[in-house]
C-alpha cells in the first residue's frame, strides 16, 4: 500500500469519526 492509500484511509477515518460524533451529539 502506497502513501496515497494511507492518506485516503486516514481521511476516511476522519470522516467516519466526525459522523459518529455527530450522531452521538444528536442523541
N, C-alpha and C. Protein backbone atom coordinates (compact mmCIF):
# COMPACT_ATOMS: atom_id res chain seq x y z
N UNK A 1 0.86 -1.19 0.00
CA UNK A 1 0.00 0.00 0.00
C UNK A 1 0.89 1.24 0.00
N UNK A 2 0.62 2.15 -0.93
CA UNK A 2 1.42 3.38 -1.03
C UNK A 2 0.94 4.44 -0.06
N UNK A 3 1.67 5.55 -0.02
CA UNK A 3 1.30 6.62 0.92
C UNK A 3 -0.03 7.24 0.53
N UNK A 4 -0.36 7.21 -0.77
CA UNK A 4 -1.65 7.77 -1.22
C UNK A 4 -2.79 6.97 -0.60
N UNK A 5 -2.63 5.65 -0.57
CA UNK A 5 -3.66 4.80 0.03
C UNK A 5 -3.80 5.10 1.51
N UNK A 6 -2.66 5.33 2.17
CA UNK A 6 -2.70 5.62 3.61
C UNK A 6 -3.43 6.94 3.86
N UNK A 7 -3.16 7.94 3.02
CA UNK A 7 -3.81 9.25 3.18
C UNK A 7 -5.32 9.09 2.99
N UNK A 8 -5.72 8.33 1.96
CA UNK A 8 -7.15 8.13 1.71
C UNK A 8 -7.78 7.40 2.89
N UNK A 9 -7.06 6.43 3.45
CA UNK A 9 -7.58 5.67 4.59
C UNK A 9 -7.78 6.58 5.80
N UNK A 10 -6.77 7.43 6.07
CA UNK A 10 -6.87 8.34 7.22
C UNK A 10 -8.00 9.34 7.01
N UNK A 11 -8.17 9.83 5.78
CA UNK A 11 -9.26 10.78 5.51
C UNK A 11 -10.60 10.09 5.75
N UNK A 12 -10.70 8.83 5.35
CA UNK A 12 -11.94 8.07 5.56
C UNK A 12 -12.21 7.91 7.04
N UNK A 13 -11.16 7.66 7.83
CA UNK A 13 -11.34 7.52 9.27
C UNK A 13 -11.82 8.83 9.87
N UNK A 14 -11.26 9.94 9.42
CA UNK A 14 -11.64 11.25 9.94
C UNK A 14 -13.12 11.53 9.68
N UNK A 15 -13.58 11.21 8.45
CA UNK A 15 -14.98 11.43 8.11
C UNK A 15 -15.86 10.53 8.97
N UNK A 16 -15.44 9.28 9.15
CA UNK A 16 -16.21 8.34 9.97
C UNK A 16 -16.32 8.84 11.40
N UNK A 17 -15.23 9.36 11.93
CA UNK A 17 -15.25 9.87 13.31
C UNK A 17 -16.19 11.07 13.44
N UNK A 18 -16.14 11.97 12.46
CA UNK A 18 -17.00 13.15 12.52
C UNK A 18 -18.46 12.73 12.48
N UNK A 19 -18.79 11.75 11.61
CA UNK A 19 -20.18 11.29 11.51
C UNK A 19 -20.59 10.64 12.82
N UNK A 20 -19.69 9.84 13.40
CA UNK A 20 -20.00 9.15 14.65
C UNK A 20 -20.25 10.14 15.77
N UNK A 21 -19.38 11.16 15.87
CA UNK A 21 -19.54 12.18 16.92
C UNK A 21 -20.83 12.96 16.71
N UNK A 22 -21.18 13.24 15.46
CA UNK A 22 -22.41 13.99 15.17
C UNK A 22 -23.62 13.20 15.64
N UNK A 23 -23.61 11.89 15.39
CA UNK A 23 -24.74 11.05 15.82
C UNK A 23 -24.81 11.01 17.34
N UNK A 24 -23.66 10.90 18.00
CA UNK A 24 -23.65 10.84 19.46
C UNK A 24 -24.17 12.15 20.05
N UNK A 25 -23.81 13.29 19.43
CA UNK A 25 -24.25 14.59 19.94
C UNK A 25 -25.75 14.78 19.75
N UNK A 26 -26.31 14.16 18.70
CA UNK A 26 -27.75 14.31 18.44
C UNK A 26 -28.57 13.55 19.47
N UNK A 27 -28.03 12.47 20.00
CA UNK A 27 -28.79 11.66 20.97
C UNK A 27 -28.74 12.29 22.36
